[in-house]
């Protein structure tokens, strides 16, 4: 079994929503390359992790993806 599938079984979408909501209050700053990165450690991510990397993780973990879960205005 792929690691992502193992992780997906550990989290339901409601648990991911809780982490996503908390993430909205975590500080981010631009690094030297202009990438938007975590300023502090947060759950499994270390300070300096790019916002895009975190969003990709959420996208892979949600059953229907991040965009459909949080950015679909329907």
C-alpha atoms as a PDB file:
ATOM      1  CA  UNK A   1       0.000   0.000   0.000  1.00  0.00           C
ATOM      2  CA  UNK A   2       1.260   3.433  -0.925  1.00  0.00           C
ATOM      3  CA  UNK A   3       2.233   5.763   1.955  1.00  0.00           C
ATOM      4  CA  UNK A   4      -0.334   8.352   0.884  1.00  0.00           C
ATOM      5  CA  UNK A   5      -3.085   5.738   1.093  1.00  0.00           C
ATOM      6  CA  UNK A   6      -1.938   4.761   4.584  1.00  0.00           C
ATOM      7  CA  UNK A   7      -2.032   8.407   5.670  1.00  0.00           C
ATOM      8  CA  UNK A   8      -5.415   8.985   4.050  1.00  0.00           C
ATOM      9  CA  UNK A   9      -6.862   6.207   6.188  1.00  0.00           C
ATOM     10  CA  UNK A  10      -5.631   7.979   9.336  1.00  0.00           C
ATOM     11  CA  UNK A  11      -7.525  11.194   8.565  1.00  0.00           C
ATOM     12  CA  UNK A  12     -11.156  11.776   7.720  1.00  0.00           C
ATOM     13  CA  UNK A  13     -12.132  14.954   5.883  1.00  0.00           C
ATOM     14  CA  UNK A  14     -13.512  16.467   9.094  1.00  0.00           C
ATOM     15  CA  UNK A  15     -10.134  16.040  10.823  1.00  0.00           C
ATOM     16  CA  UNK A  16      -8.415  17.616   7.841  1.00  0.00           C
ATOM     17  CA  UNK A  17     -10.890  20.520   8.029  1.00  0.00           C
ATOM     18  CA  UNK A  18      -9.794  21.157  11.620  1.00  0.00           C
ATOM     19  CA  UNK A  19      -6.113  21.274  10.620  1.00  0.00           C
ATOM     20  CA  UNK A  20      -6.959  23.431   7.582  1.00  0.00           C
ATOM     21  CA  UNK A  21      -8.863  25.882   9.772  1.00  0.00           C
ATOM     22  CA  UNK A  22      -5.938  26.077  12.225  1.00  0.00           C
ATOM     23  CA  UNK A  23      -3.541  26.662   9.341  1.00  0.00           C
ATOM     24  CA  UNK A  24      -5.359  29.907   8.517  1.00  0.00           C
ATOM     25  CA  UNK A  25      -3.971  31.360  11.769  1.00  0.00           C
ATOM     26  CA  UNK A  26      -0.364  30.203  11.359  1.00  0.00           C
ATOM     27  CA  UNK A  27       2.169  32.843  10.260  1.00  0.00           C
ATOM     28  CA  UNK A  28       3.756  32.652   6.810  1.00  0.00           C
ATOM     29  CA  UNK A  29       6.513  34.821   5.365  1.00  0.00           C
ATOM     30  CA  UNK A  30       8.286  35.110   2.040  1.00  0.00           C
ATOM     31  CA  UNK A  31      11.667  33.387   1.933  1.00  0.00           C
ATOM     32  CA  UNK A  32      14.765  34.587   0.042  1.00  0.00           C
ATOM     33  CA  UNK A  33      13.431  33.166  -3.220  1.00  0.00           C
ATOM     34  CA  UNK A  34      10.035  34.842  -2.850  1.00  0.00           C
ATOM     35  CA  UNK A  35       8.213  31.649  -1.917  1.00  0.00           C
ATOM     36  CA  UNK A  36       5.521  31.886   0.769  1.00  0.00           C
ATOM     37  CA  UNK A  37       6.632  29.596   3.641  1.00  0.00           C
ATOM     38  CA  UNK A  38       5.666  28.655   7.187  1.00  0.00           C
ATOM     39  CA  UNK A  39       7.298  30.845   9.814  1.00  0.00           C
ATOM     40  CA  UNK A  40       6.873  28.246  12.575  1.00  0.00           C
ATOM     41  CA  UNK A  41       6.571  24.477  12.863  1.00  0.00           C
ATOM     42  CA  UNK A  42       2.986  23.285  12.378  1.00  0.00           C
ATOM     43  CA  UNK A  43       1.841  19.671  12.770  1.00  0.00           C
ATOM     44  CA  UNK A  44       4.001  17.626  10.377  1.00  0.00           C
ATOM     45  CA  UNK A  45       5.558  20.625   8.617  1.00  0.00           C
ATOM     46  CA  UNK A  46       8.694  22.427   9.716  1.00  0.00           C
ATOM     47  CA  UNK A  47       9.193  26.177   9.541  1.00  0.00           C
ATOM     48  CA  UNK A  48      10.272  27.011   6.004  1.00  0.00           C
ATOM     49  CA  UNK A  49       7.865  24.572   4.317  1.00  0.00           C
ATOM     50  CA  UNK A  50       6.254  26.220   1.302  1.00  0.00           C
ATOM     51  CA  UNK A  51       2.551  26.964   1.281  1.00  0.00           C
ATOM     52  CA  UNK A  52       2.259  25.163  -2.051  1.00  0.00           C
ATOM     53  CA  UNK A  53       3.753  21.971  -0.594  1.00  0.00           C
ATOM     54  CA  UNK A  54       1.210  22.090   2.241  1.00  0.00           C
ATOM     55  CA  UNK A  55      -1.670  22.720  -0.157  1.00  0.00           C
ATOM     56  CA  UNK A  56      -0.564  19.783  -2.320  1.00  0.00           C
ATOM     57  CA  UNK A  57      -0.596  17.583   0.778  1.00  0.00           C
ATOM     58  CA  UNK A  58      -4.143  18.632   1.651  1.00  0.00           C
ATOM     59  CA  UNK A  59      -5.201  18.115  -1.961  1.00  0.00           C
ATOM     60  CA  UNK A  60      -3.887  14.566  -1.898  1.00  0.00           C
ATOM     61  CA  UNK A  61      -5.470  13.800   1.474  1.00  0.00           C
ATOM     62  CA  UNK A  62      -9.019  15.064   0.926  1.00  0.00           C
ATOM     63  CA  UNK A  63     -11.208  12.462  -0.742  1.00  0.00           C
ATOM     64  CA  UNK A  64     -12.373  14.965  -3.360  1.00  0.00           C
ATOM     65  CA  UNK A  65      -9.365  17.295  -3.269  1.00  0.00           C
ATOM     66  CA  UNK A  66      -8.678  20.642  -1.637  1.00  0.00           C
ATOM     67  CA  UNK A  67     -10.281  22.851  -4.273  1.00  0.00           C
ATOM     68  CA  UNK A  68     -13.594  21.040  -4.220  1.00  0.00           C
ATOM     69  CA  UNK A  69     -13.614  20.955  -0.414  1.00  0.00           C
ATOM     70  CA  UNK A  70     -12.675  24.580   0.312  1.00  0.00           C
ATOM     71  CA  UNK A  71     -12.750  26.680  -2.835  1.00  0.00           C
ATOM     72  CA  UNK A  72     -15.839  25.458  -4.660  1.00  0.00           C
ATOM     73  CA  UNK A  73     -18.531  28.117  -4.243  1.00  0.00           C
ATOM     74  CA  UNK A  74     -21.448  25.806  -5.014  1.00  0.00           C
END
